[in-house]
Amino acid sequence: MVVALKTIAVLGGYGTFGTRVSRGLAARGHRVVVAGRDVRRAEALAASLGAGHGAAAVDATDTESCRLAFRGAAVAVLCAGPFSVLGTAAARAAAAERSHYVDIADDRGYVRRLRELDALFRVAGRTAAFGCSSLPAVSSALALSLAEGHPPARAVLVTLFIGAANPKGEASVRALVDRLHRTDGRPGFGDPRTVRFPAPIGRRAAYTFDTPEHDLLPEILGLSAVDVRVAFELPGANALFALLARSRAGWSQRTATLLARLAAVVPRVGTSGGAVLVELEWPDGTRRARAILAEEEAQRIAAVPCVTVADALATAGGPPGVRPPSDVLPASRLLAALQAAGLRLIEA
């Protein structure tokens, strides 16, 4: 059976992650509409994808603007940010246009706001798949694969490693800065612990991180304890964010802009690699760990889930309502897609 490929609108489609998503969807044969505030950048990226692709100027905070960009699209993909300060206009527009919705949100608050739109998507008969990125799509797929065939686990540790040479867009830096606050009685970037990643990464200091896994993993696995951490390759970067987290000052967009500009001018050192490591612990003390690792171009870990979920919804649809990625794609299928993209699945 030949599947008719569809139009997919990618909001923020020319950004650090959006570019990879746009290219990935075009490579699968879909017509991509690259959308964003800067229509010239959108047009340039659309032209680079080849004939037939389009571009649109859009304000991600305005529902009517998003509706115009999404009109006729089977799927609307949100790669803009930061999600911590982004409303649900794009999601509401997708439901109104009867488009499936996919995002790369790893912000806990945004996912909670999106889940309040569950009834809206059920009435529209469309799927809104959240967090189709490293966290929580890859982490939850790893956790589900570890748990399969075993009794319920007690606790999970999720750790994200970010190589120093990875490109850092302003929205990504802002998303991190916005989390430099206390959550659940612990510092948002504190309580450093040593985590052992597979080679060549090795042992790294990892810091607490507030993500959707704190809500999602207890739901899908019945866990009683969730610990999520992030480890930057450079000790200096870890020390800087830990210092900012301990300060009582409020950090604003201006802070994020300054840090992003500094990152852009500082010579890149280290690796462009990255990893997501998940460890489950059972009540009897048994531990099992598994990781997805990229020795270079770690943005693939975030982009591949988004492309794979959007492609699946465009070609086969999905369950109505606001859903985690695992409701659209089985863990085995997502992990297979990551491996097909050249990433390594490692028993850690």
C-alpha atoms as a PDB file:
ATOM      1  CA  MET A   1       0.000   0.000   0.000  1.00  0.00           C
ATOM      2  CA  VAL A   2       1.322   3.426  -0.978  1.00  0.00           C
ATOM      3  CA  VAL A   3       0.901   6.030   1.768  1.00  0.00           C
ATOM      4  CA  ALA A   4       0.209   9.568   0.568  1.00  0.00           C
ATOM      5  CA  LEU A   5       2.699  11.828   2.299  1.00  0.00           C
ATOM      6  CA  LYS A   6       1.380  14.976   3.911  1.00  0.00           C
ATOM      7  CA  THR A   7       2.089  18.628   4.609  1.00  0.00           C
ATOM      8  CA  ILE A   8       3.755  19.246   7.982  1.00  0.00           C
ATOM      9  CA  ALA A   9       4.205  22.769   9.395  1.00  0.00           C
ATOM     10  CA  VAL A  10       7.273  23.261  11.608  1.00  0.00           C
ATOM     11  CA  LEU A  11       7.090  26.345  13.813  1.00  0.00           C
ATOM     12  CA  GLY A  12      10.625  27.398  14.688  1.00  0.00           C
ATOM     13  CA  GLY A  13      11.663  25.254  11.744  1.00  0.00           C
ATOM     14  CA  TYR A  14      14.901  27.122  11.031  1.00  0.00           C
ATOM     15  CA  GLY A  15      16.297  27.053  14.586  1.00  0.00           C
ATOM     16  CA  THR A  16      18.931  24.800  16.130  1.00  0.00           C
ATOM     17  CA  PHE A  17      16.596  21.813  16.483  1.00  0.00           C
ATOM     18  CA  GLY A  18      13.925  22.926  14.029  1.00  0.00           C
ATOM     19  CA  THR A  19      16.345  22.775  11.107  1.00  0.00           C
ATOM     20  CA  ARG A  20      17.087  19.131  11.827  1.00  0.00           C
ATOM     21  CA  VAL A  21      13.385  18.371  12.191  1.00  0.00           C
ATOM     22  CA  SER A  22      12.509  20.151   8.937  1.00  0.00           C
ATOM     23  CA  ARG A  23      15.250  18.332   7.053  1.00  0.00           C
ATOM     24  CA  GLY A  24      14.297  15.004   8.582  1.00  0.00           C
ATOM     25  CA  LEU A  25      10.647  15.335   7.594  1.00  0.00           C
ATOM     26  CA  ALA A  26      11.540  16.463   4.077  1.00  0.00           C
ATOM     27  CA  ALA A  27      13.842  13.459   3.742  1.00  0.00           C
ATOM     28  CA  ARG A  28      10.856  11.226   4.516  1.00  0.00           C
ATOM     29  CA  GLY A  29       9.003  12.763   1.599  1.00  0.00           C
ATOM     30  CA  HIS A  30       6.678  15.141   3.419  1.00  0.00           C
ATOM     31  CA  ARG A  31       6.017  18.661   2.211  1.00  0.00           C
ATOM     32  CA  VAL A  32       7.377  20.961   4.916  1.00  0.00           C
ATOM     33  CA  VAL A  33       6.161  24.477   5.688  1.00  0.00           C
ATOM     34  CA  VAL A  34       8.948  26.207   7.630  1.00  0.00           C
ATOM     35  CA  ALA A  35       7.357  28.796   9.912  1.00  0.00           C
ATOM     36  CA  GLY A  36       8.740  31.417  12.265  1.00  0.00           C
ATOM     37  CA  ARG A  37       8.991  35.116  13.082  1.00  0.00           C
ATOM     38  CA  ASP A  38      11.755  35.703  10.514  1.00  0.00           C
ATOM     39  CA  VAL A  39      10.157  34.850   7.175  1.00  0.00           C
ATOM     40  CA  ARG A  40      13.439  35.354   5.301  1.00  0.00           C
ATOM     41  CA  ARG A  41      15.141  32.661   7.354  1.00  0.00           C
ATOM     42  CA  ALA A  42      12.098  30.438   6.891  1.00  0.00           C
ATOM     43  CA  GLU A  43      12.174  30.948   3.116  1.00  0.00           C
ATOM     44  CA  ALA A  44      15.905  30.239   2.951  1.00  0.00           C
ATOM     45  CA  LEU A  45      15.554  26.976   4.841  1.00  0.00           C
ATOM     46  CA  ALA A  46      12.504  25.947   2.780  1.00  0.00           C
ATOM     47  CA  ALA A  47      14.426  26.615  -0.447  1.00  0.00           C
ATOM     48  CA  SER A  48      17.310  24.456   0.762  1.00  0.00           C
ATOM     49  CA  LEU A  49      14.907  21.536   1.220  1.00  0.00           C
ATOM     50  CA  GLY A  50      14.132  21.450  -2.496  1.00  0.00           C
ATOM     51  CA  ALA A  51      11.134  22.180  -4.691  1.00  0.00           C
ATOM     52  CA  GLY A  52       7.628  22.153  -3.269  1.00  0.00           C
ATOM     53  CA  HIS A  53       8.336  23.191   0.301  1.00  0.00           C
ATOM     54  CA  GLY A  54       6.956  26.413   1.765  1.00  0.00           C
ATOM     55  CA  ALA A  55       7.530  29.132   4.343  1.00  0.00           C
ATOM     56  CA  ALA A  56       5.311  31.258   6.567  1.00  0.00           C
ATOM     57  CA  ALA A  57       5.680  34.156   8.975  1.00  0.00           C
ATOM     58  CA  VAL A  58       4.042  33.331  12.294  1.00  0.00           C
ATOM     59  CA  ASP A  59       3.810  34.554  15.880  1.00  0.00           C
ATOM     60  CA  ALA A  60       3.893  31.516  18.173  1.00  0.00           C
ATOM     61  CA  THR A  61       1.969  33.401  20.854  1.00  0.00           C
ATOM     62  CA  ASP A  62      -0.971  34.300  18.595  1.00  0.00           C
ATOM     63  CA  THR A  63      -3.595  31.652  17.868  1.00  0.00           C
ATOM     64  CA  GLU A  64      -4.884  33.183  14.624  1.00  0.00           C
ATOM     65  CA  SER A  65      -1.351  33.625  13.275  1.00  0.00           C
ATOM     66  CA  CYS A  66      -0.621  29.969  14.042  1.00  0.00           C
ATOM     67  CA  ARG A  67      -3.902  28.861  12.446  1.00  0.00           C
ATOM     68  CA  LEU A  68      -2.920  30.502   9.156  1.00  0.00           C
ATOM     69  CA  ALA A  69       0.468  28.754   9.211  1.00  0.00           C
ATOM     70  CA  PHE A  70      -1.071  25.364  10.079  1.00  0.00           C
ATOM     71  CA  ARG A  71      -3.989  25.504   7.633  1.00  0.00           C
ATOM     72  CA  GLY A  72      -3.998  22.358   5.491  1.00  0.00           C
ATOM     73  CA  ALA A  73      -1.230  20.692   7.531  1.00  0.00           C
ATOM     74  CA  ALA A  74      -1.703  17.127   8.731  1.00  0.00           C
ATOM     75  CA  VAL A  75       0.703  17.838  11.604  1.00  0.00           C
ATOM     76  CA  ALA A  76       1.855  21.036  13.321  1.00  0.00           C
ATOM     77  CA  VAL A  77       5.269  20.735  14.970  1.00  0.00           C
ATOM     78  CA  LEU A  78       6.429  23.228  17.607  1.00  0.00           C
ATOM     79  CA  CYS A  79      10.203  23.661  17.855  1.00  0.00           C
ATOM     80  CA  ALA A  80      10.108  27.283  19.036  1.00  0.00           C
ATOM     81  CA  GLY A  81      10.772  28.287  22.602  1.00  0.00           C
ATOM     82  CA  PRO A  82      11.551  28.692  25.350  1.00  0.00           C
ATOM     83  CA  PHE A  83       8.589  26.598  26.441  1.00  0.00           C
ATOM     84  CA  SER A  84       8.779  27.933  29.982  1.00  0.00           C
ATOM     85  CA  VAL A  85       7.320  31.255  28.829  1.00  0.00           C
ATOM     86  CA  LEU A  86       5.388  30.038  25.782  1.00  0.00           C
ATOM     87  CA  GLY A  87       1.621  29.816  25.965  1.00  0.00           C
ATOM     88  CA  THR A  88      -0.550  27.204  24.292  1.00  0.00           C
ATOM     89  CA  ALA A  89      -1.582  29.291  21.263  1.00  0.00           C
ATOM     90  CA  ALA A  90       0.127  26.936  18.800  1.00  0.00           C
ATOM     91  CA  ALA A  91      -1.516  23.867  20.321  1.00  0.00           C
ATOM     92  CA  ARG A  92      -4.932  25.514  20.338  1.00  0.00           C
ATOM     93  CA  ALA A  93      -4.449  26.519  16.708  1.00  0.00           C
ATOM     94  CA  ALA A  94      -3.533  22.955  15.745  1.00  0.00           C
ATOM     95  CA  ALA A  95      -6.690  21.604  17.367  1.00  0.00           C
ATOM     96  CA  ALA A  96      -8.804  24.280  15.671  1.00  0.00           C
ATOM     97  CA  GLU A  97      -7.317  23.362  12.275  1.00  0.00           C
ATOM     98  CA  ARG A  98      -7.738  19.647  13.027  1.00  0.00           C
ATOM     99  CA  SER A  99      -3.992  19.087  12.755  1.00  0.00           C
ATOM    100  CA  HIS A 100      -2.086  16.674  14.934  1.00  0.00           C
ATOM    101  CA  TYR A 101       0.373  18.481  17.213  1.00  0.00           C
ATOM    102  CA  VAL A 102       3.948  17.544  18.171  1.00  0.00           C
ATOM    103  CA  ASP A 103       6.439  19.483  20.283  1.00  0.00           C
ATOM    104  CA  ILE A 104       9.951  19.125  21.698  1.00  0.00           C
ATOM    105  CA  ALA A 105       8.998  20.559  25.101  1.00  0.00           C
ATOM    106  CA  ASP A 106      11.068  19.440  28.066  1.00  0.00           C
ATOM    107  CA  ASP A 107       9.545  22.071  30.360  1.00  0.00           C
ATOM    108  CA  ARG A 108       7.403  20.603  33.140  1.00  0.00           C
ATOM    109  CA  GLY A 109       5.124  23.608  33.461  1.00  0.00           C
ATOM    110  CA  TYR A 110       4.428  23.821  29.742  1.00  0.00           C
ATOM    111  CA  VAL A 111       3.525  20.133  29.556  1.00  0.00           C
ATOM    112  CA  ARG A 112       1.109  20.584  32.459  1.00  0.00           C
ATOM    113  CA  ARG A 113      -0.553  23.490  30.641  1.00  0.00           C
ATOM    114  CA  LEU A 114      -0.756  21.501  27.421  1.00  0.00           C
ATOM    115  CA  ARG A 115      -2.373  18.542  29.180  1.00  0.00           C
ATOM    116  CA  GLU A 116      -5.215  20.817  30.213  1.00  0.00           C
ATOM    117  CA  LEU A 117      -6.173  20.866  26.504  1.00  0.00           C
ATOM    118  CA  ASP A 118      -6.833  17.119  26.419  1.00  0.00           C
ATOM    119  CA  ALA A 119     -10.592  17.533  25.885  1.00  0.00           C
ATOM    120  CA  LEU A 120      -9.974  20.007  23.063  1.00  0.00           C
ATOM    121  CA  PHE A 121      -7.909  17.465  21.118  1.00  0.00           C
ATOM    122  CA  ARG A 122     -10.310  14.627  21.873  1.00  0.00           C
ATOM    123  CA  VAL A 123     -13.192  16.634  20.395  1.00  0.00           C
ATOM    124  CA  ALA A 124     -11.028  17.429  17.348  1.00  0.00           C
ATOM    125  CA  GLY A 125     -10.117  13.747  17.019  1.00  0.00           C
ATOM    126  CA  ARG A 126      -6.418  14.598  16.892  1.00  0.00           C
ATOM    127  CA  THR A 127      -3.297  13.757  18.877  1.00  0.00           C
ATOM    128  CA  ALA A 128      -1.113  16.235  20.742  1.00  0.00           C
ATOM    129  CA  ALA A 129       2.194  14.482  21.471  1.00  0.00           C
ATOM    130  CA  PHE A 130       4.376  16.353  23.957  1.00  0.00           C
ATOM    131  CA  GLY A 131       8.052  16.104  24.799  1.00  0.00           C
ATOM    132  CA  CYS A 132       9.194  14.433  21.574  1.00  0.00           C
ATOM    133  CA  SER A 133      12.830  15.150  22.358  1.00  0.00           C
ATOM    134  CA  SER A 134      15.675  13.804  24.491  1.00  0.00           C
ATOM    135  CA  LEU A 135      13.565  14.432  27.588  1.00  0.00           C
ATOM    136  CA  PRO A 136      11.080  12.871  28.022  1.00  0.00           C
ATOM    137  CA  ALA A 137      10.702  10.872  24.755  1.00  0.00           C
ATOM    138  CA  VAL A 138      14.075   9.104  24.781  1.00  0.00           C
ATOM    139  CA  SER A 139      14.256   8.786  28.567  1.00  0.00           C
ATOM    140  CA  SER A 140      10.778   7.254  28.805  1.00  0.00           C
ATOM    141  CA  ALA A 141      11.505   4.852  25.920  1.00  0.00           C
ATOM    142  CA  LEU A 142      14.662   3.684  27.708  1.00  0.00           C
ATOM    143  CA  ALA A 143      12.795   3.335  31.002  1.00  0.00           C
ATOM    144  CA  LEU A 144       9.956   1.353  29.410  1.00  0.00           C
ATOM    145  CA  SER A 145      12.408  -0.942  27.648  1.00  0.00           C
ATOM    146  CA  LEU A 146      14.251  -1.605  30.918  1.00  0.00           C
ATOM    147  CA  ALA A 147      11.018  -2.292  32.784  1.00  0.00           C
ATOM    148  CA  GLU A 148       9.557  -4.680  30.203  1.00  0.00           C
ATOM    149  CA  GLY A 149       9.139  -8.190  31.588  1.00  0.00           C
ATOM    150  CA  HIS A 150      10.090  -7.177  35.131  1.00  0.00           C
ATOM    151  CA  PRO A 151       8.093  -6.404  38.284  1.00  0.00           C
ATOM    152  CA  PRO A 152       7.411  -2.712  39.016  1.00  0.00           C
ATOM    153  CA  ALA A 153      10.580  -0.747  39.717  1.00  0.00           C
ATOM    154  CA  ARG A 154      10.922   1.536  42.740  1.00  0.00           C
ATOM    155  CA  ALA A 155      13.050   4.403  41.431  1.00  0.00           C
ATOM    156  CA  VAL A 156      14.551   5.863  38.273  1.00  0.00           C
ATOM    157  CA  LEU A 157      17.572   8.069  37.613  1.00  0.00           C
ATOM    158  CA  VAL A 158      17.602   9.959  34.304  1.00  0.00           C
ATOM    159  CA  THR A 159      20.758  11.845  33.332  1.00  0.00           C
ATOM    160  CA  LEU A 160      21.345  13.994  30.261  1.00  0.00           C
ATOM    161  CA  PHE A 161      24.946  14.649  29.132  1.00  0.00           C
ATOM    162  CA  ILE A 162      25.576  17.664  26.882  1.00  0.00           C
ATOM    163  CA  GLY A 163      28.866  18.021  25.015  1.00  0.00           C
ATOM    164  CA  ALA A 164      30.519  21.444  25.052  1.00  0.00           C
ATOM    165  CA  ALA A 165      30.727  21.807  21.256  1.00  0.00           C
ATOM    166  CA  ASN A 166      26.987  21.435  20.676  1.00  0.00           C
ATOM    167  CA  PRO A 167      25.373  24.586  19.191  1.00  0.00           C
ATOM    168  CA  LYS A 168      23.398  26.478  21.831  1.00  0.00           C
ATOM    169  CA  GLY A 169      20.504  28.628  20.664  1.00  0.00           C
ATOM    170  CA  GLU A 170      19.211  31.468  22.818  1.00  0.00           C
ATOM    171  CA  ALA A 171      15.930  29.639  23.474  1.00  0.00           C
ATOM    172  CA  SER A 172      17.818  26.616  24.821  1.00  0.00           C
ATOM    173  CA  VAL A 173      19.920  28.776  27.126  1.00  0.00           C
ATOM    174  CA  ARG A 174      16.809  30.643  28.300  1.00  0.00           C
ATOM    175  CA  ALA A 175      15.096  27.337  29.052  1.00  0.00           C
ATOM    176  CA  LEU A 176      17.977  26.368  31.329  1.00  0.00           C
ATOM    177  CA  VAL A 177      18.186  29.770  33.005  1.00  0.00           C
ATOM    178  CA  ASP A 178      14.458  29.665  33.750  1.00  0.00           C
ATOM    179  CA  ARG A 179      14.993  26.472  35.787  1.00  0.00           C
ATOM    180  CA  LEU A 180      17.546  27.997  38.139  1.00  0.00           C
ATOM    181  CA  HIS A 181      15.132  27.958  41.059  1.00  0.00           C
ATOM    182  CA  ARG A 182      14.192  25.601  43.852  1.00  0.00           C
ATOM    183  CA  THR A 183      11.895  22.722  42.968  1.00  0.00           C
ATOM    184  CA  ASP A 184      10.468  20.176  45.394  1.00  0.00           C
ATOM    185  CA  GLY A 185      12.677  21.569  48.139  1.00  0.00           C
ATOM    186  CA  ARG A 186      15.912  21.089  46.180  1.00  0.00           C
ATOM    187  CA  PRO A 187      18.000  23.500  44.109  1.00  0.00           C
ATOM    188  CA  GLY A 188      17.062  23.497  40.432  1.00  0.00           C
ATOM    189  CA  PHE A 189      20.712  23.003  39.472  1.00  0.00           C
ATOM    190  CA  GLY A 190      22.311  21.641  42.621  1.00  0.00           C
ATOM    191  CA  ASP A 191      23.003  18.540  44.700  1.00  0.00           C
ATOM    192  CA  PRO A 192      25.865  17.348  42.432  1.00  0.00           C
ATOM    193  CA  ARG A 193      26.397  13.602  42.206  1.00  0.00           C
ATOM    194  CA  THR A 194      28.790  11.558  40.120  1.00  0.00           C
ATOM    195  CA  VAL A 195      27.119   9.556  37.359  1.00  0.00           C
ATOM    196  CA  ARG A 196      28.947   6.969  35.299  1.00  0.00           C
ATOM    197  CA  PHE A 197      28.158   7.204  31.589  1.00  0.00           C
ATOM    198  CA  PRO A 198      29.274   4.640  29.012  1.00  0.00           C
ATOM    199  CA  ALA A 199      32.627   5.261  27.282  1.00  0.00           C
ATOM    200  CA  PRO A 200      33.861   7.565  25.946  1.00  0.00           C
ATOM    201  CA  ILE A 201      31.991   9.932  28.306  1.00  0.00           C
ATOM    202  CA  GLY A 202      32.842   8.270  31.615  1.00  0.00           C
ATOM    203  CA  ARG A 203      32.195   9.666  35.094  1.00  0.00           C
ATOM    204  CA  ARG A 204      30.595  13.114  35.270  1.00  0.00           C
ATOM    205  CA  ALA A 205      29.179  15.435  37.910  1.00  0.00           C
ATOM    206  CA  ALA A 206      25.421  15.722  37.317  1.00  0.00           C
ATOM    207  CA  TYR A 207      23.020  18.280  38.793  1.00  0.00           C
ATOM    208  CA  THR A 208      19.292  18.225  39.587  1.00  0.00           C
ATOM    209  CA  PHE A 209      16.997  19.209  36.716  1.00  0.00           C
ATOM    210  CA  ASP A 210      13.252  19.915  36.695  1.00  0.00           C
ATOM    211  CA  THR A 211      11.620  18.083  33.753  1.00  0.00           C
ATOM    212  CA  PRO A 212       8.325  16.387  32.742  1.00  0.00           C
ATOM    213  CA  GLU A 213       9.726  13.009  33.813  1.00  0.00           C
ATOM    214  CA  HIS A 214       8.870  13.878  37.415  1.00  0.00           C
ATOM    215  CA  ASP A 215       5.190  13.705  36.445  1.00  0.00           C
ATOM    216  CA  LEU A 216       5.287  11.259  33.527  1.00  0.00           C
ATOM    217  CA  LEU A 217       7.388   8.339  34.760  1.00  0.00           C
ATOM    218  CA  PRO A 218       5.300   7.697  37.899  1.00  0.00           C
ATOM    219  CA  GLU A 219       2.242   7.599  35.603  1.00  0.00           C
ATOM    220  CA  ILE A 220       3.562   5.125  33.042  1.00  0.00           C
ATOM    221  CA  LEU A 221       5.742   2.980  35.313  1.00  0.00           C
ATOM    222  CA  GLY A 222       4.248   3.369  38.793  1.00  0.00           C
ATOM    223  CA  LEU A 223       7.528   4.641  40.221  1.00  0.00           C
ATOM    224  CA  SER A 224       7.703   6.243  43.641  1.00  0.00           C
ATOM    225  CA  ALA A 225      11.004   8.105  43.145  1.00  0.00           C
ATOM    226  CA  VAL A 226      12.239  10.073  40.112  1.00  0.00           C
ATOM    227  CA  ASP A 227      15.617  11.810  39.935  1.00  0.00           C
ATOM    228  CA  VAL A 228      16.520  13.766  36.785  1.00  0.00           C
ATOM    229  CA  ARG A 229      19.938  15.341  36.282  1.00  0.00           C
ATOM    230  CA  VAL A 230      22.022  17.158  33.693  1.00  0.00           C
ATOM    231  CA  ALA A 231      25.789  17.085  33.199  1.00  0.00           C
ATOM    232  CA  PHE A 232      27.665  19.529  30.998  1.00  0.00           C
ATOM    233  CA  GLU A 233      30.976  18.395  29.578  1.00  0.00           C
ATOM    234  CA  LEU A 234      32.931  21.409  30.843  1.00  0.00           C
ATOM    235  CA  PRO A 235      33.271  21.650  34.648  1.00  0.00           C
ATOM    236  CA  GLY A 236      33.246  25.434  34.295  1.00  0.00           C
ATOM    237  CA  ALA A 237      29.768  25.392  32.762  1.00  0.00           C
ATOM    238  CA  ASN A 238      28.474  23.209  35.590  1.00  0.00           C
ATOM    239  CA  ALA A 239      30.048  25.528  38.162  1.00  0.00           C
ATOM    240  CA  LEU A 240      28.570  28.648  36.520  1.00  0.00           C
ATOM    241  CA  PHE A 241      25.002  27.350  36.480  1.00  0.00           C
ATOM    242  CA  ALA A 242      25.323  25.939  39.989  1.00  0.00           C
ATOM    243  CA  LEU A 243      26.461  29.376  41.173  1.00  0.00           C
ATOM    244  CA  LEU A 244      23.567  31.113  39.407  1.00  0.00           C
ATOM    245  CA  ALA A 245      21.130  28.615  40.927  1.00  0.00           C
ATOM    246  CA  ARG A 246      22.357  29.354  44.450  1.00  0.00           C
ATOM    247  CA  SER A 247      21.967  33.099  43.957  1.00  0.00           C
ATOM    248  CA  ARG A 248      18.701  34.645  45.108  1.00  0.00           C
ATOM    249  CA  ALA A 249      18.610  36.941  42.094  1.00  0.00           C
ATOM    250  CA  GLY A 250      15.948  36.446  39.440  1.00  0.00           C
ATOM    251  CA  TRP A 251      17.430  35.596  36.077  1.00  0.00           C
ATOM    252  CA  SER A 252      15.761  37.094  33.046  1.00  0.00           C
ATOM    253  CA  GLN A 253      15.814  36.868  29.281  1.00  0.00           C
ATOM    254  CA  ARG A 254      18.635  39.400  29.299  1.00  0.00           C
ATOM    255  CA  THR A 255      20.779  36.958  31.263  1.00  0.00           C
ATOM    256  CA  ALA A 256      20.027  34.165  28.793  1.00  0.00           C
ATOM    257  CA  THR A 257      20.800  36.427  25.826  1.00  0.00           C
ATOM    258  CA  LEU A 258      24.166  37.365  27.304  1.00  0.00           C
ATOM    259  CA  LEU A 259      25.077  33.739  28.017  1.00  0.00           C
ATOM    260  CA  ALA A 260      24.007  32.639  24.524  1.00  0.00           C
ATOM    261  CA  ARG A 261      26.138  35.356  22.922  1.00  0.00           C
ATOM    262  CA  LEU A 262      29.115  34.375  25.050  1.00  0.00           C
ATOM    263  CA  ALA A 263      28.668  30.745  24.009  1.00  0.00           C
ATOM    264  CA  ALA A 264      28.597  31.807  20.359  1.00  0.00           C
ATOM    265  CA  VAL A 265      31.916  33.692  20.495  1.00  0.00           C
ATOM    266  CA  VAL A 266      33.869  31.348  22.771  1.00  0.00           C
ATOM    267  CA  PRO A 267      35.920  28.866  20.715  1.00  0.00           C
ATOM    268  CA  ARG A 268      34.272  25.451  20.717  1.00  0.00           C
ATOM    269  CA  VAL A 269      36.127  22.851  22.706  1.00  0.00           C
ATOM    270  CA  GLY A 270      35.237  19.342  23.696  1.00  0.00           C
ATOM    271  CA  THR A 271      32.775  17.169  21.856  1.00  0.00           C
ATOM    272  CA  SER A 272      29.492  17.673  20.035  1.00  0.00           C
ATOM    273  CA  GLY A 273      28.304  14.382  21.522  1.00  0.00           C
ATOM    274  CA  GLY A 274      25.693  13.676  24.138  1.00  0.00           C
ATOM    275  CA  ALA A 275      23.784  10.935  25.890  1.00  0.00           C
ATOM    276  CA  VAL A 276      20.627  10.054  27.761  1.00  0.00           C
ATOM    277  CA  LEU A 277      21.235   7.509  30.529  1.00  0.00           C
ATOM    278  CA  VAL A 278      18.410   5.822  32.433  1.00  0.00           C
ATOM    279  CA  GLU A 279      18.836   3.572  35.477  1.00  0.00           C
ATOM    280  CA  LEU A 280      15.994   1.687  37.146  1.00  0.00           C
ATOM    281  CA  GLU A 281      16.159   0.342  40.688  1.00  0.00           C
ATOM    282  CA  TRP A 282      13.871  -2.377  42.083  1.00  0.00           C
ATOM    283  CA  PRO A 283      12.795  -2.845  45.715  1.00  0.00           C
ATOM    284  CA  ASP A 284      15.244  -5.746  46.138  1.00  0.00           C
ATOM    285  CA  GLY A 285      18.185  -3.532  45.170  1.00  0.00           C
ATOM    286  CA  THR A 286      18.519  -4.793  41.591  1.00  0.00           C
ATOM    287  CA  ARG A 287      19.659  -2.113  39.153  1.00  0.00           C
ATOM    288  CA  ARG A 288      19.586  -2.017  35.356  1.00  0.00           C
ATOM    289  CA  ALA A 289      20.784   0.825  33.128  1.00  0.00           C
ATOM    290  CA  ARG A 290      20.598   1.634  29.427  1.00  0.00           C
ATOM    291  CA  ALA A 291      21.735   4.641  27.382  1.00  0.00           C
ATOM    292  CA  ILE A 292      21.393   6.276  23.984  1.00  0.00           C
ATOM    293  CA  LEU A 293      24.720   7.821  23.020  1.00  0.00           C
ATOM    294  CA  ALA A 294      25.849  10.109  20.213  1.00  0.00           C
ATOM    295  CA  GLU A 295      29.607  10.514  19.902  1.00  0.00           C
ATOM    296  CA  GLU A 296      28.959  13.584  17.735  1.00  0.00           C
ATOM    297  CA  GLU A 297      26.003  15.745  16.654  1.00  0.00           C
ATOM    298  CA  ALA A 298      23.986  15.097  19.811  1.00  0.00           C
ATOM    299  CA  GLN A 299      21.088  17.205  18.504  1.00  0.00           C
ATOM    300  CA  ARG A 300      20.048  14.018  16.711  1.00  0.00           C
ATOM    301  CA  ILE A 301      18.936  12.602  20.072  1.00  0.00           C
ATOM    302  CA  ALA A 302      16.371  15.410  20.309  1.00  0.00           C
ATOM    303  CA  ALA A 303      15.416  15.677  16.631  1.00  0.00           C
ATOM    304  CA  VAL A 304      14.873  12.000  15.761  1.00  0.00           C
ATOM    305  CA  PRO A 305      11.947  11.467  18.199  1.00  0.00           C
ATOM    306  CA  CYS A 306      10.210  14.587  16.890  1.00  0.00           C
ATOM    307  CA  VAL A 307      10.621  13.532  13.251  1.00  0.00           C
ATOM    308  CA  THR A 308       9.568   9.947  13.966  1.00  0.00           C
ATOM    309  CA  VAL A 309       6.436  10.886  15.928  1.00  0.00           C
ATOM    310  CA  ALA A 310       5.386  13.560  13.409  1.00  0.00           C
ATOM    311  CA  ASP A 311       5.887  11.121  10.530  1.00  0.00           C
ATOM    312  CA  ALA A 312       3.839   8.442  12.336  1.00  0.00           C
ATOM    313  CA  LEU A 313       0.953  10.846  12.987  1.00  0.00           C
ATOM    314  CA  ALA A 314       1.002  12.175   9.422  1.00  0.00           C
ATOM    315  CA  THR A 315       0.893   8.715   7.872  1.00  0.00           C
ATOM    316  CA  ALA A 316      -1.181   6.675  10.332  1.00  0.00           C
ATOM    317  CA  GLY A 317      -2.755   9.055  12.849  1.00  0.00           C
ATOM    318  CA  GLY A 318      -2.827   8.439  16.580  1.00  0.00           C
ATOM    319  CA  PRO A 319      -5.011   8.268  19.682  1.00  0.00           C
ATOM    320  CA  PRO A 320      -7.022  11.449  20.327  1.00  0.00           C
ATOM    321  CA  GLY A 321      -6.039  13.674  23.220  1.00  0.00           C
ATOM    322  CA  VAL A 322      -2.830  15.004  24.753  1.00  0.00           C
ATOM    323  CA  ARG A 323      -0.426  12.076  24.888  1.00  0.00           C
ATOM    324  CA  PRO A 324       3.143  11.203  25.820  1.00  0.00           C
ATOM    325  CA  PRO A 325       5.331   9.981  22.939  1.00  0.00           C
ATOM    326  CA  SER A 326       5.016   6.375  24.117  1.00  0.00           C
ATOM    327  CA  ASP A 327       1.274   6.480  23.340  1.00  0.00           C
ATOM    328  CA  VAL A 328       2.119   7.155  19.686  1.00  0.00           C
ATOM    329  CA  LEU A 329       5.238   5.031  19.236  1.00  0.00           C
ATOM    330  CA  PRO A 330       6.202   1.888  21.186  1.00  0.00           C
ATOM    331  CA  ALA A 331       9.539   2.225  22.968  1.00  0.00           C
ATOM    332  CA  SER A 332      11.085  -0.414  20.709  1.00  0.00           C
ATOM    333  CA  ARG A 333      10.165   1.534  17.574  1.00  0.00           C
ATOM    334  CA  LEU A 334      11.594   4.822  18.843  1.00  0.00           C
ATOM    335  CA  LEU A 335      14.820   3.165  20.002  1.00  0.00           C
ATOM    336  CA  ALA A 336      15.115   1.460  16.602  1.00  0.00           C
ATOM    337  CA  ALA A 337      14.698   4.844  14.869  1.00  0.00           C
ATOM    338  CA  LEU A 338      17.472   6.323  16.997  1.00  0.00           C
ATOM    339  CA  GLN A 339      19.780   3.445  16.118  1.00  0.00           C
ATOM    340  CA  ALA A 340      18.909   3.792  12.426  1.00  0.00           C
ATOM    341  CA  ALA A 341      20.041   7.419  12.704  1.00  0.00           C
ATOM    342  CA  GLY A 342      23.485   6.262  13.831  1.00  0.00           C
ATOM    343  CA  LEU A 343      23.052   6.531  17.595  1.00  0.00           C
ATOM    344  CA  ARG A 344      24.205   3.764  19.927  1.00  0.00           C
ATOM    345  CA  LEU A 345      21.966   1.855  22.317  1.00  0.00           C
ATOM    346  CA  ILE A 346      24.192   0.673  25.166  1.00  0.00           C
ATOM    347  CA  GLU A 347      23.607  -1.558  28.166  1.00  0.00           C
ATOM    348  CA  ALA A 348      25.167   0.469  30.913  1.00  0.00           C
END
